[in-house]
Amino acid sequence: MARYVVLGGGIAATQAAEVIRSLRPEDSITLIAEEERPFYMRPLLADFVAGRIEEERLWRDFGATAKSKNIGLRTGKRVTEIDRQAKTVGTADGEKAAYDKMLVATGVKPKLPRIRGTELEGVTPFSTYAEAVRAAEWAKEARTAAVVGRGLQGVELTRALRLRGLEVTMIVPDESPWFPALFQVKGEMVEKALEQHGVKVVALDGPAEVAGEGGRAIGVKTREGREVEGEIVGFALDQRAEVDFLVGSGISLAEGVVVNGQLQTTDENVYAAGDVAQLEISGRRHPIGYGWQRASAQGEAAGRSMCGEPVTVATGDEAEAQALYGMGLLARWV
């Protein structure tokens, strides 16, 4: 009986586990997730913060699915080490799991900048359920917010807080809050939509310090000398792949975990999928990509590949993000 271990709690991880079970009905499958309550719909977090949907709509009942399909779950477990010789992974609380094939689908996390004030109450990245809950609670009492960043997470957090009635300023380190090179919708269209909905966009600037009072954030001091009010300060800048436990393992790492067209790493028994995976095909290393649909497709492909089936993984131009958001991004304010 083969032992499959899947690391992660998102769509890539759960898709892979279900595909493996469909192809290997008798083998052992264990899924290890760092969050206590994983398996939720990340694209809906902004609508939850905005008060447009109830919390219940975020959840995918993967726990029941796992039980019915005999997939072992270990939640609230952070993986800290890998022993490639023994084929085991270890968690922070000392547990170990043995594998014959393992999938890394640990995703990415936003990085807070190394500036004064990021420890203040009211300061948060915007990537997880726990962060969304905090933002939603703070928004009940706050009047102003500053969102520092760009891209989908920055725009979505800005939209959510503005829809809650807060005065929101978006501080963007680039010329545009969007990535026109990756998405069909143009950066100037996104900026225009933000401004039409009452968002002030400050471009070509960045945070120098989060100002505070009594342990709480009250705004952002920028590198260009601006002082932006913000009882909530959200960061959506750089993200890093969750691969610390692989450092020094000999598995090739770059922006994320380097994989071939079969989503296989430089260790033939270890695979990667979703936001953490960086494709290298025909000698070309592609930029790491993000998105729910991309992660879902890669999770399915990884499950099949781990079971010995040939797969084709698209390297594309973020078409899945265009399909999910695209021009519809502008309509999400309605």
C-alpha atoms as a PDB file:
ATOM      1  CA  MET A   1       0.000   0.000   0.000  1.00  0.00           C
ATOM      2  CA  ALA A   2       1.464   3.360  -1.068  1.00  0.00           C
ATOM      3  CA  ARG A   3       1.505   6.337   1.293  1.00  0.00           C
ATOM      4  CA  TYR A   4       0.536   9.737  -0.093  1.00  0.00           C
ATOM      5  CA  VAL A   5       1.050  12.887   1.963  1.00  0.00           C
ATOM      6  CA  VAL A   6      -0.412  16.226   0.865  1.00  0.00           C
ATOM      7  CA  LEU A   7       0.782  19.445   2.510  1.00  0.00           C
ATOM      8  CA  GLY A   8      -1.638  22.363   2.422  1.00  0.00           C
ATOM      9  CA  GLY A   9      -5.238  23.270   3.086  1.00  0.00           C
ATOM     10  CA  GLY A  10      -6.301  25.073  -0.062  1.00  0.00           C
ATOM     11  CA  ILE A  11      -7.938  24.074  -3.306  1.00  0.00           C
ATOM     12  CA  ALA A  12      -4.764  22.589  -4.832  1.00  0.00           C
ATOM     13  CA  ALA A  13      -4.226  20.301  -1.851  1.00  0.00           C
ATOM     14  CA  THR A  14      -7.825  19.143  -1.521  1.00  0.00           C
ATOM     15  CA  GLN A  15      -8.250  18.592  -5.273  1.00  0.00           C
ATOM     16  CA  ALA A  16      -5.105  16.487  -5.333  1.00  0.00           C
ATOM     17  CA  ALA A  17      -6.189  14.369  -2.364  1.00  0.00           C
ATOM     18  CA  GLU A  18      -9.574  13.648  -3.931  1.00  0.00           C
ATOM     19  CA  VAL A  19      -8.043  12.753  -7.304  1.00  0.00           C
ATOM     20  CA  ILE A  20      -5.526  10.423  -5.676  1.00  0.00           C
ATOM     21  CA  ARG A  21      -8.324   8.689  -3.792  1.00  0.00           C
ATOM     22  CA  SER A  22     -10.316   8.219  -7.007  1.00  0.00           C
ATOM     23  CA  LEU A  23      -7.301   6.592  -8.660  1.00  0.00           C
ATOM     24  CA  ARG A  24      -5.925   4.757  -5.632  1.00  0.00           C
ATOM     25  CA  PRO A  25      -8.924   3.571  -3.588  1.00  0.00           C
ATOM     26  CA  GLU A  26      -6.866   1.395  -1.219  1.00  0.00           C
ATOM     27  CA  ASP A  27      -3.791   3.549  -0.585  1.00  0.00           C
ATOM     28  CA  SER A  28      -3.099   5.754   2.443  1.00  0.00           C
ATOM     29  CA  ILE A  29      -3.674   9.506   2.030  1.00  0.00           C
ATOM     30  CA  THR A  30      -2.869  12.072   4.715  1.00  0.00           C
ATOM     31  CA  LEU A  31      -3.454  15.808   4.340  1.00  0.00           C
ATOM     32  CA  ILE A  32      -1.583  18.150   6.699  1.00  0.00           C
ATOM     33  CA  ALA A  33      -2.743  21.785   6.941  1.00  0.00           C
ATOM     34  CA  GLU A  34      -1.324  24.630   9.018  1.00  0.00           C
ATOM     35  CA  GLU A  35      -4.628  26.447   9.542  1.00  0.00           C
ATOM     36  CA  GLU A  36      -7.016  25.147  12.182  1.00  0.00           C
ATOM     37  CA  ARG A  37      -9.951  25.722   9.833  1.00  0.00           C
ATOM     38  CA  PRO A  38      -8.750  25.261   6.267  1.00  0.00           C
ATOM     39  CA  PHE A  39     -10.728  24.323   3.126  1.00  0.00           C
ATOM     40  CA  TYR A  40     -12.516  27.644   2.559  1.00  0.00           C
ATOM     41  CA  MET A  41     -13.277  29.709  -0.534  1.00  0.00           C
ATOM     42  CA  ARG A  42     -10.505  32.301  -0.609  1.00  0.00           C
ATOM     43  CA  PRO A  43     -12.008  34.298  -3.528  1.00  0.00           C
ATOM     44  CA  LEU A  44     -14.982  35.125  -1.265  1.00  0.00           C
ATOM     45  CA  LEU A  45     -12.966  36.627   1.599  1.00  0.00           C
ATOM     46  CA  ALA A  46     -13.369  40.196   0.333  1.00  0.00           C
ATOM     47  CA  ASP A  47     -17.145  39.827   0.050  1.00  0.00           C
ATOM     48  CA  PHE A  48     -17.188  38.473   3.603  1.00  0.00           C
ATOM     49  CA  VAL A  49     -15.246  41.507   4.872  1.00  0.00           C
ATOM     50  CA  ALA A  50     -17.589  43.760   2.881  1.00  0.00           C
ATOM     51  CA  GLY A  51     -20.567  42.214   4.690  1.00  0.00           C
ATOM     52  CA  ARG A  52     -22.070  40.893   1.473  1.00  0.00           C
ATOM     53  CA  ILE A  53     -22.041  37.220   2.416  1.00  0.00           C
ATOM     54  CA  GLU A  54     -22.348  35.287   5.649  1.00  0.00           C
ATOM     55  CA  GLU A  55     -19.389  33.383   7.023  1.00  0.00           C
ATOM     56  CA  GLU A  56     -21.062  30.050   6.295  1.00  0.00           C
ATOM     57  CA  ARG A  57     -20.680  30.631   2.560  1.00  0.00           C
ATOM     58  CA  LEU A  58     -16.893  30.609   2.893  1.00  0.00           C
ATOM     59  CA  TRP A  59     -16.676  27.021   3.976  1.00  0.00           C
ATOM     60  CA  ARG A  60     -16.242  23.947   1.864  1.00  0.00           C
ATOM     61  CA  ASP A  61     -17.097  20.897   3.948  1.00  0.00           C
ATOM     62  CA  PHE A  62     -13.958  19.008   3.064  1.00  0.00           C
ATOM     63  CA  GLY A  63     -13.909  17.426   6.491  1.00  0.00           C
ATOM     64  CA  ALA A  64     -16.999  15.401   5.646  1.00  0.00           C
ATOM     65  CA  THR A  65     -15.577  14.608   2.206  1.00  0.00           C
ATOM     66  CA  ALA A  66     -12.315  13.431   3.728  1.00  0.00           C
ATOM     67  CA  LYS A  67     -14.120  11.211   6.215  1.00  0.00           C
ATOM     68  CA  SER A  68     -16.271   9.623   3.534  1.00  0.00           C
ATOM     69  CA  LYS A  69     -13.219   9.006   1.331  1.00  0.00           C
ATOM     70  CA  ASN A  70     -10.897   7.857   4.111  1.00  0.00           C
ATOM     71  CA  ILE A  71      -8.485  10.759   3.756  1.00  0.00           C
ATOM     72  CA  GLY A  72      -6.655  11.434   6.998  1.00  0.00           C
ATOM     73  CA  LEU A  73      -6.674  15.064   8.158  1.00  0.00           C
ATOM     74  CA  ARG A  74      -4.169  16.753  10.451  1.00  0.00           C
ATOM     75  CA  THR A  75      -5.093  20.412  10.881  1.00  0.00           C
ATOM     76  CA  GLY A  76      -3.299  23.110  12.860  1.00  0.00           C
ATOM     77  CA  LYS A  77       0.017  21.465  11.989  1.00  0.00           C
ATOM     78  CA  ARG A  78       2.946  23.470  10.619  1.00  0.00           C
ATOM     79  CA  VAL A  79       5.470  21.385   8.700  1.00  0.00           C
ATOM     80  CA  THR A  80       9.008  22.254   9.780  1.00  0.00           C
ATOM     81  CA  GLU A  81      11.266  19.580   8.328  1.00  0.00           C
ATOM     82  CA  ILE A  82      11.682  16.954   5.646  1.00  0.00           C
ATOM     83  CA  ASP A  83      13.884  13.871   5.684  1.00  0.00           C
ATOM     84  CA  ARG A  84      14.214  12.763   2.073  1.00  0.00           C
ATOM     85  CA  GLN A  85      16.187   9.663   2.975  1.00  0.00           C
ATOM     86  CA  ALA A  86      13.633   8.400   5.497  1.00  0.00           C
ATOM     87  CA  LYS A  87      10.772   9.896   3.418  1.00  0.00           C
ATOM     88  CA  THR A  88       9.181  11.643   6.356  1.00  0.00           C
ATOM     89  CA  VAL A  89       7.968  15.143   7.133  1.00  0.00           C
ATOM     90  CA  GLY A  90       7.860  16.546  10.640  1.00  0.00           C
ATOM     91  CA  THR A  91       5.608  19.159  12.206  1.00  0.00           C
ATOM     92  CA  ALA A  92       6.319  21.813  14.827  1.00  0.00           C
ATOM     93  CA  ASP A  93       4.683  19.719  17.558  1.00  0.00           C
ATOM     94  CA  GLY A  94       6.970  16.752  16.918  1.00  0.00           C
ATOM     95  CA  GLU A  95       4.680  14.583  14.825  1.00  0.00           C
ATOM     96  CA  LYS A  96       5.991  12.800  11.744  1.00  0.00           C
ATOM     97  CA  ALA A  97       4.295  11.453   8.637  1.00  0.00           C
ATOM     98  CA  ALA A  98       5.858   8.922   6.269  1.00  0.00           C
ATOM     99  CA  TYR A  99       5.322   9.159   2.523  1.00  0.00           C
ATOM    100  CA  ASP A 100       6.077   7.397  -0.706  1.00  0.00           C
ATOM    101  CA  LYS A 101       4.802  10.355  -2.718  1.00  0.00           C
ATOM    102  CA  MET A 102       4.340  13.839  -1.307  1.00  0.00           C
ATOM    103  CA  LEU A 103       2.696  16.989  -2.643  1.00  0.00           C
ATOM    104  CA  VAL A 104       3.719  20.472  -1.497  1.00  0.00           C
ATOM    105  CA  ALA A 105       0.697  22.764  -1.869  1.00  0.00           C
ATOM    106  CA  THR A 106       1.452  25.146   0.989  1.00  0.00           C
ATOM    107  CA  GLY A 107       0.731  28.312  -1.006  1.00  0.00           C
ATOM    108  CA  VAL A 108       2.140  31.760  -0.383  1.00  0.00           C
ATOM    109  CA  LYS A 109       1.821  34.332   2.371  1.00  0.00           C
ATOM    110  CA  PRO A 110       2.127  38.111   2.138  1.00  0.00           C
ATOM    111  CA  LYS A 111       5.141  39.716   3.756  1.00  0.00           C
ATOM    112  CA  LEU A 112       4.809  42.746   5.994  1.00  0.00           C
ATOM    113  CA  PRO A 113       7.458  45.377   5.296  1.00  0.00           C
ATOM    114  CA  ARG A 114      10.235  45.903   7.827  1.00  0.00           C
ATOM    115  CA  ILE A 115       9.066  49.276   9.045  1.00  0.00           C
ATOM    116  CA  ARG A 116       8.035  50.649  12.402  1.00  0.00           C
ATOM    117  CA  GLY A 117       4.458  50.064  13.503  1.00  0.00           C
ATOM    118  CA  THR A 118       3.474  46.831  11.770  1.00  0.00           C
ATOM    119  CA  GLU A 119       2.839  45.245  15.185  1.00  0.00           C
ATOM    120  CA  LEU A 120       0.035  47.709  15.989  1.00  0.00           C
ATOM    121  CA  GLU A 121      -3.576  46.620  16.277  1.00  0.00           C
ATOM    122  CA  GLY A 122      -5.362  47.388  13.042  1.00  0.00           C
ATOM    123  CA  VAL A 123      -2.455  46.301  10.830  1.00  0.00           C
ATOM    124  CA  THR A 124      -2.937  43.164   8.753  1.00  0.00           C
ATOM    125  CA  PRO A 125      -2.053  41.402   5.532  1.00  0.00           C
ATOM    126  CA  PHE A 126      -5.002  39.985   3.614  1.00  0.00           C
ATOM    127  CA  SER A 127      -4.679  36.372   2.630  1.00  0.00           C
ATOM    128  CA  THR A 128      -6.303  34.053   5.169  1.00  0.00           C
ATOM    129  CA  TYR A 129      -9.625  33.521   6.892  1.00  0.00           C
ATOM    130  CA  ALA A 130      -8.203  34.707  10.223  1.00  0.00           C
ATOM    131  CA  GLU A 131      -7.009  37.951   8.629  1.00  0.00           C
ATOM    132  CA  ALA A 132     -10.387  38.482   6.981  1.00  0.00           C
ATOM    133  CA  VAL A 133     -12.167  37.992  10.323  1.00  0.00           C
ATOM    134  CA  ARG A 134      -9.918  40.590  11.959  1.00  0.00           C
ATOM    135  CA  ALA A 135     -10.486  43.080   9.143  1.00  0.00           C
ATOM    136  CA  ALA A 136     -14.253  42.564   9.287  1.00  0.00           C
ATOM    137  CA  GLU A 137     -14.314  43.154  13.065  1.00  0.00           C
ATOM    138  CA  TRP A 138     -12.167  46.269  12.865  1.00  0.00           C
ATOM    139  CA  ALA A 139     -14.306  47.639  10.023  1.00  0.00           C
ATOM    140  CA  LYS A 140     -17.345  47.741  12.316  1.00  0.00           C
ATOM    141  CA  GLU A 141     -15.776  50.565  14.335  1.00  0.00           C
ATOM    142  CA  ALA A 142     -13.278  52.172  11.951  1.00  0.00           C
ATOM    143  CA  ARG A 143     -13.844  55.260   9.843  1.00  0.00           C
ATOM    144  CA  THR A 144     -10.675  55.280   7.721  1.00  0.00           C
ATOM    145  CA  ALA A 145      -8.367  52.730   6.116  1.00  0.00           C
ATOM    146  CA  ALA A 146      -5.112  52.712   4.185  1.00  0.00           C
ATOM    147  CA  VAL A 147      -4.324  49.789   1.883  1.00  0.00           C
ATOM    148  CA  VAL A 148      -0.671  49.525   0.885  1.00  0.00           C
ATOM    149  CA  GLY A 149      -0.094  47.353  -2.141  1.00  0.00           C
ATOM    150  CA  ARG A 150      -1.281  46.329  -5.542  1.00  0.00           C
ATOM    151  CA  GLY A 151      -2.773  43.481  -7.500  1.00  0.00           C
ATOM    152  CA  LEU A 152      -5.806  41.389  -6.752  1.00  0.00           C
ATOM    153  CA  GLN A 153      -5.438  41.202  -2.969  1.00  0.00           C
ATOM    154  CA  GLY A 154      -4.877  44.932  -2.638  1.00  0.00           C
ATOM    155  CA  VAL A 155      -7.765  45.878  -4.911  1.00  0.00           C
ATOM    156  CA  GLU A 156     -10.123  43.380  -3.278  1.00  0.00           C
ATOM    157  CA  LEU A 157      -9.306  44.522   0.273  1.00  0.00           C
ATOM    158  CA  THR A 158      -9.775  48.122  -0.844  1.00  0.00           C
ATOM    159  CA  ARG A 159     -13.141  47.246  -2.382  1.00  0.00           C
ATOM    160  CA  ALA A 160     -14.262  45.384   0.741  1.00  0.00           C
ATOM    161  CA  LEU A 161     -13.414  48.214   3.120  1.00  0.00           C
ATOM    162  CA  ARG A 162     -14.910  50.869   0.853  1.00  0.00           C
ATOM    163  CA  LEU A 163     -18.147  48.883   0.583  1.00  0.00           C
ATOM    164  CA  ARG A 164     -18.240  48.867   4.391  1.00  0.00           C
ATOM    165  CA  GLY A 165     -18.388  52.656   4.216  1.00  0.00           C
ATOM    166  CA  LEU A 166     -14.809  53.456   5.224  1.00  0.00           C
ATOM    167  CA  GLU A 167     -12.787  56.256   3.669  1.00  0.00           C
ATOM    168  CA  VAL A 168     -10.035  54.340   1.910  1.00  0.00           C
ATOM    169  CA  THR A 169      -6.714  55.453   0.467  1.00  0.00           C
ATOM    170  CA  MET A 170      -4.701  53.003  -1.616  1.00  0.00           C
ATOM    171  CA  ILE A 171      -0.928  53.549  -1.535  1.00  0.00           C
ATOM    172  CA  VAL A 172       0.683  51.955  -4.587  1.00  0.00           C
ATOM    173  CA  PRO A 173       4.442  51.549  -5.080  1.00  0.00           C
ATOM    174  CA  ASP A 174       4.040  51.419  -8.861  1.00  0.00           C
ATOM    175  CA  GLU A 175       2.296  53.594 -11.423  1.00  0.00           C
ATOM    176  CA  SER A 176      -0.830  51.444 -11.256  1.00  0.00           C
ATOM    177  CA  PRO A 177      -2.627  49.342  -8.616  1.00  0.00           C
ATOM    178  CA  TRP A 178      -2.984  46.566 -11.181  1.00  0.00           C
ATOM    179  CA  PHE A 179      -0.817  44.279 -13.328  1.00  0.00           C
ATOM    180  CA  PRO A 180      -1.826  45.038 -16.938  1.00  0.00           C
ATOM    181  CA  ALA A 181       0.854  42.728 -18.272  1.00  0.00           C
ATOM    182  CA  LEU A 182      -0.885  39.740 -16.701  1.00  0.00           C
ATOM    183  CA  PHE A 183      -4.567  40.585 -16.966  1.00  0.00           C
ATOM    184  CA  GLN A 184      -6.851  41.720 -19.761  1.00  0.00           C
ATOM    185  CA  VAL A 185      -8.314  44.507 -17.666  1.00  0.00           C
ATOM    186  CA  LYS A 186      -5.997  47.511 -17.853  1.00  0.00           C
ATOM    187  CA  GLY A 187      -4.424  49.234 -14.875  1.00  0.00           C
ATOM    188  CA  GLU A 188      -5.899  52.615 -15.716  1.00  0.00           C
ATOM    189  CA  MET A 189      -9.378  51.063 -15.809  1.00  0.00           C
ATOM    190  CA  VAL A 190      -8.915  49.650 -12.324  1.00  0.00           C
ATOM    191  CA  GLU A 191      -7.622  52.962 -11.010  1.00  0.00           C
ATOM    192  CA  LYS A 192     -10.540  54.805 -12.601  1.00  0.00           C
ATOM    193  CA  ALA A 193     -13.016  52.358 -11.039  1.00  0.00           C
ATOM    194  CA  LEU A 194     -11.408  52.818  -7.619  1.00  0.00           C
ATOM    195  CA  GLU A 195     -11.603  56.595  -7.866  1.00  0.00           C
ATOM    196  CA  GLN A 196     -15.193  56.487  -9.142  1.00  0.00           C
ATOM    197  CA  HIS A 197     -16.107  54.597  -5.983  1.00  0.00           C
ATOM    198  CA  GLY A 198     -14.482  57.149  -3.725  1.00  0.00           C
ATOM    199  CA  VAL A 199     -11.063  55.580  -3.246  1.00  0.00           C
ATOM    200  CA  LYS A 200      -8.066  57.898  -3.260  1.00  0.00           C
ATOM    201  CA  VAL A 201      -5.125  56.326  -5.110  1.00  0.00           C
ATOM    202  CA  VAL A 202      -1.605  57.490  -4.229  1.00  0.00           C
ATOM    203  CA  ALA A 203       0.820  56.076  -6.797  1.00  0.00           C
ATOM    204  CA  LEU A 204       4.619  55.831  -6.835  1.00  0.00           C
ATOM    205  CA  ASP A 205       4.887  55.978  -3.069  1.00  0.00           C
ATOM    206  CA  GLY A 206       5.310  53.526  -0.241  1.00  0.00           C
ATOM    207  CA  PRO A 207       5.141  53.199   3.526  1.00  0.00           C
ATOM    208  CA  ALA A 208       7.911  54.534   5.731  1.00  0.00           C
ATOM    209  CA  GLU A 209       6.123  53.925   9.037  1.00  0.00           C
ATOM    210  CA  VAL A 210       2.743  52.938  10.452  1.00  0.00           C
ATOM    211  CA  ALA A 211       1.743  55.669  12.895  1.00  0.00           C
ATOM    212  CA  GLY A 212       0.057  54.603  16.103  1.00  0.00           C
ATOM    213  CA  GLU A 213      -1.609  55.865  19.219  1.00  0.00           C
ATOM    214  CA  GLY A 214      -2.369  53.803  22.304  1.00  0.00           C
ATOM    215  CA  GLY A 215      -1.257  50.594  20.599  1.00  0.00           C
ATOM    216  CA  ARG A 216      -3.542  51.078  17.600  1.00  0.00           C
ATOM    217  CA  ALA A 217      -2.797  52.160  14.056  1.00  0.00           C
ATOM    218  CA  ILE A 218      -3.934  55.639  13.074  1.00  0.00           C
ATOM    219  CA  GLY A 219      -2.332  55.957   9.658  1.00  0.00           C
ATOM    220  CA  VAL A 220       0.690  55.604   7.376  1.00  0.00           C
ATOM    221  CA  LYS A 221       3.617  57.945   6.923  1.00  0.00           C
ATOM    222  CA  THR A 222       4.934  57.541   3.382  1.00  0.00           C
ATOM    223  CA  ARG A 223       8.396  57.791   1.915  1.00  0.00           C
ATOM    224  CA  GLU A 224       7.344  60.904   0.006  1.00  0.00           C
ATOM    225  CA  GLY A 225       6.282  62.656   3.205  1.00  0.00           C
ATOM    226  CA  ARG A 226       2.534  62.078   3.028  1.00  0.00           C
ATOM    227  CA  GLU A 227       0.452  61.269   6.103  1.00  0.00           C
ATOM    228  CA  VAL A 228      -2.475  59.005   5.237  1.00  0.00           C
ATOM    229  CA  GLU A 229      -5.188  58.297   7.810  1.00  0.00           C
ATOM    230  CA  GLY A 230      -5.981  54.673   8.507  1.00  0.00           C
ATOM    231  CA  GLU A 231      -7.455  53.020  11.575  1.00  0.00           C
ATOM    232  CA  ILE A 232      -7.079  49.881   9.490  1.00  0.00           C
ATOM    233  CA  VAL A 233      -3.815  49.460   7.578  1.00  0.00           C
ATOM    234  CA  GLY A 234      -3.861  46.559   5.141  1.00  0.00           C
ATOM    235  CA  PHE A 235      -0.762  45.312   3.346  1.00  0.00           C
ATOM    236  CA  ALA A 236      -0.854  43.538  -0.009  1.00  0.00           C
ATOM    237  CA  LEU A 237       2.696  43.892  -1.230  1.00  0.00           C
ATOM    238  CA  ASP A 238       5.123  41.045  -1.735  1.00  0.00           C
ATOM    239  CA  GLN A 239       4.286  37.412  -1.126  1.00  0.00           C
ATOM    240  CA  ARG A 240       6.599  34.550  -0.348  1.00  0.00           C
ATOM    241  CA  ALA A 241       6.192  30.869  -0.979  1.00  0.00           C
ATOM    242  CA  GLU A 242       5.726  28.750   2.137  1.00  0.00           C
ATOM    243  CA  VAL A 243       8.814  26.593   1.637  1.00  0.00           C
ATOM    244  CA  ASP A 244      10.975  27.213   4.702  1.00  0.00           C
ATOM    245  CA  PHE A 245      10.970  23.519   5.590  1.00  0.00           C
ATOM    246  CA  LEU A 246      12.503  22.716   2.179  1.00  0.00           C
ATOM    247  CA  VAL A 247      15.471  25.071   2.518  1.00  0.00           C
ATOM    248  CA  GLY A 248      18.628  22.964   2.599  1.00  0.00           C
ATOM    249  CA  SER A 249      16.775  19.822   1.511  1.00  0.00           C
ATOM    250  CA  GLY A 250      18.355  19.755  -1.944  1.00  0.00           C
ATOM    251  CA  ILE A 251      15.001  20.276  -3.663  1.00  0.00           C
ATOM    252  CA  SER A 252      15.343  23.118  -6.148  1.00  0.00           C
ATOM    253  CA  LEU A 253      13.788  26.397  -4.979  1.00  0.00           C
ATOM    254  CA  ALA A 254      13.500  29.770  -6.713  1.00  0.00           C
ATOM    255  CA  GLU A 255      10.461  32.035  -6.319  1.00  0.00           C
ATOM    256  CA  GLY A 256       8.704  28.857  -5.270  1.00  0.00           C
ATOM    257  CA  VAL A 257       9.267  25.112  -5.597  1.00  0.00           C
ATOM    258  CA  VAL A 258      10.658  24.437  -9.068  1.00  0.00           C
ATOM    259  CA  VAL A 259       8.666  21.745 -10.918  1.00  0.00           C
ATOM    260  CA  ASN A 260       8.630  20.231 -14.398  1.00  0.00           C
ATOM    261  CA  GLY A 261       5.646  19.751 -16.680  1.00  0.00           C
ATOM    262  CA  GLN A 262       4.491  16.821 -14.535  1.00  0.00           C
ATOM    263  CA  LEU A 263       4.595  19.036 -11.411  1.00  0.00           C
ATOM    264  CA  GLN A 264       7.491  16.950 -10.152  1.00  0.00           C
ATOM    265  CA  THR A 265      10.331  18.578  -8.212  1.00  0.00           C
ATOM    266  CA  THR A 266      14.013  17.664  -8.442  1.00  0.00           C
ATOM    267  CA  ASP A 267      13.097  14.828  -6.059  1.00  0.00           C
ATOM    268  CA  GLU A 268      11.076  12.311  -8.068  1.00  0.00           C
ATOM    269  CA  ASN A 269       8.945  11.502  -5.026  1.00  0.00           C
ATOM    270  CA  VAL A 270       8.010  15.114  -4.233  1.00  0.00           C
ATOM    271  CA  TYR A 271       5.567  17.224  -6.260  1.00  0.00           C
ATOM    272  CA  ALA A 272       4.262  20.776  -5.950  1.00  0.00           C
ATOM    273  CA  ALA A 273       1.100  22.527  -7.122  1.00  0.00           C
ATOM    274  CA  GLY A 274      -0.768  25.791  -6.779  1.00  0.00           C
ATOM    275  CA  ASP A 275       0.661  29.156  -5.786  1.00  0.00           C
ATOM    276  CA  VAL A 276       3.831  27.594  -4.390  1.00  0.00           C
ATOM    277  CA  ALA A 277       4.823  25.845  -7.644  1.00  0.00           C
ATOM    278  CA  GLN A 278       7.123  27.421 -10.246  1.00  0.00           C
ATOM    279  CA  LEU A 279       7.133  25.700 -13.633  1.00  0.00           C
ATOM    280  CA  GLU A 280      10.379  25.058 -15.485  1.00  0.00           C
ATOM    281  CA  ILE A 281       9.705  23.579 -18.922  1.00  0.00           C
ATOM    282  CA  SER A 282      12.146  23.155 -21.837  1.00  0.00           C
ATOM    283  CA  GLY A 283      14.794  25.041 -19.927  1.00  0.00           C
ATOM    284  CA  ARG A 284      12.589  28.068 -19.305  1.00  0.00           C
ATOM    285  CA  ARG A 285      11.592  28.970 -15.765  1.00  0.00           C
ATOM    286  CA  HIS A 286       8.189  30.660 -15.751  1.00  0.00           C
ATOM    287  CA  PRO A 287       7.149  33.337 -13.239  1.00  0.00           C
ATOM    288  CA  ILE A 288       5.264  31.928 -10.275  1.00  0.00           C
ATOM    289  CA  GLY A 289       1.528  32.300 -10.831  1.00  0.00           C
ATOM    290  CA  TYR A 290      -1.451  32.814  -8.562  1.00  0.00           C
ATOM    291  CA  GLY A 291      -5.173  32.208  -8.742  1.00  0.00           C
ATOM    292  CA  TRP A 292      -7.929  29.897  -7.571  1.00  0.00           C
ATOM    293  CA  GLN A 293      -8.578  28.271 -10.928  1.00  0.00           C
ATOM    294  CA  ARG A 294      -4.886  27.752 -11.601  1.00  0.00           C
ATOM    295  CA  ALA A 295      -4.449  26.108  -8.202  1.00  0.00           C
ATOM    296  CA  SER A 296      -7.495  23.899  -8.720  1.00  0.00           C
ATOM    297  CA  ALA A 297      -6.275  22.717 -12.125  1.00  0.00           C
ATOM    298  CA  GLN A 298      -2.768  22.076 -10.838  1.00  0.00           C
ATOM    299  CA  GLY A 299      -4.086  20.195  -7.824  1.00  0.00           C
ATOM    300  CA  GLU A 300      -6.002  17.826 -10.089  1.00  0.00           C
ATOM    301  CA  ALA A 301      -3.017  17.446 -12.420  1.00  0.00           C
ATOM    302  CA  ALA A 302      -0.654  16.792  -9.509  1.00  0.00           C
ATOM    303  CA  GLY A 303      -2.909  14.080  -8.123  1.00  0.00           C
ATOM    304  CA  ARG A 304      -2.934  12.324 -11.470  1.00  0.00           C
ATOM    305  CA  SER A 305       0.800  12.754 -11.956  1.00  0.00           C
ATOM    306  CA  MET A 306       1.549  11.324  -8.513  1.00  0.00           C
ATOM    307  CA  CYS A 307      -0.433   8.257  -9.522  1.00  0.00           C
ATOM    308  CA  GLY A 308       1.651   7.774 -12.669  1.00  0.00           C
ATOM    309  CA  GLU A 309      -0.643   9.369 -15.225  1.00  0.00           C
ATOM    310  CA  PRO A 310       0.812  11.760 -17.837  1.00  0.00           C
ATOM    311  CA  VAL A 311      -0.504  15.312 -17.480  1.00  0.00           C
ATOM    312  CA  THR A 312      -0.271  18.594 -19.348  1.00  0.00           C
ATOM    313  CA  VAL A 313       0.093  21.736 -17.275  1.00  0.00           C
ATOM    314  CA  ALA A 314      -0.609  25.099 -18.893  1.00  0.00           C
ATOM    315  CA  THR A 315       2.084  27.743 -18.511  1.00  0.00           C
ATOM    316  CA  GLY A 316      -0.233  30.458 -19.965  1.00  0.00           C
ATOM    317  CA  ASP A 317      -0.723  34.112 -19.244  1.00  0.00           C
ATOM    318  CA  GLU A 318      -3.024  33.959 -16.252  1.00  0.00           C
ATOM    319  CA  ALA A 319      -6.065  33.133 -18.392  1.00  0.00           C
ATOM    320  CA  GLU A 320      -7.680  31.517 -15.372  1.00  0.00           C
ATOM    321  CA  ALA A 321      -7.531  34.770 -13.425  1.00  0.00           C
ATOM    322  CA  GLN A 322      -8.986  36.613 -16.393  1.00  0.00           C
ATOM    323  CA  ALA A 323     -11.857  34.145 -16.548  1.00  0.00           C
ATOM    324  CA  LEU A 324     -12.537  34.452 -12.821  1.00  0.00           C
ATOM    325  CA  TYR A 325     -12.138  38.217 -12.558  1.00  0.00           C
ATOM    326  CA  GLY A 326     -11.252  39.871 -15.888  1.00  0.00           C
ATOM    327  CA  MET A 327     -13.687  42.622 -16.808  1.00  0.00           C
ATOM    328  CA  GLY A 328     -15.971  41.253 -14.105  1.00  0.00           C
ATOM    329  CA  LEU A 329     -13.568  42.692 -11.545  1.00  0.00           C
ATOM    330  CA  LEU A 330     -14.985  46.143 -12.230  1.00  0.00           C
ATOM    331  CA  ALA A 331     -18.533  44.856 -11.813  1.00  0.00           C
ATOM    332  CA  ARG A 332     -17.798  43.440  -8.345  1.00  0.00           C
ATOM    333  CA  TRP A 333     -18.541  46.848  -6.843  1.00  0.00           C
ATOM    334  CA  VAL A 334     -22.213  46.646  -7.818  1.00  0.00           C
END
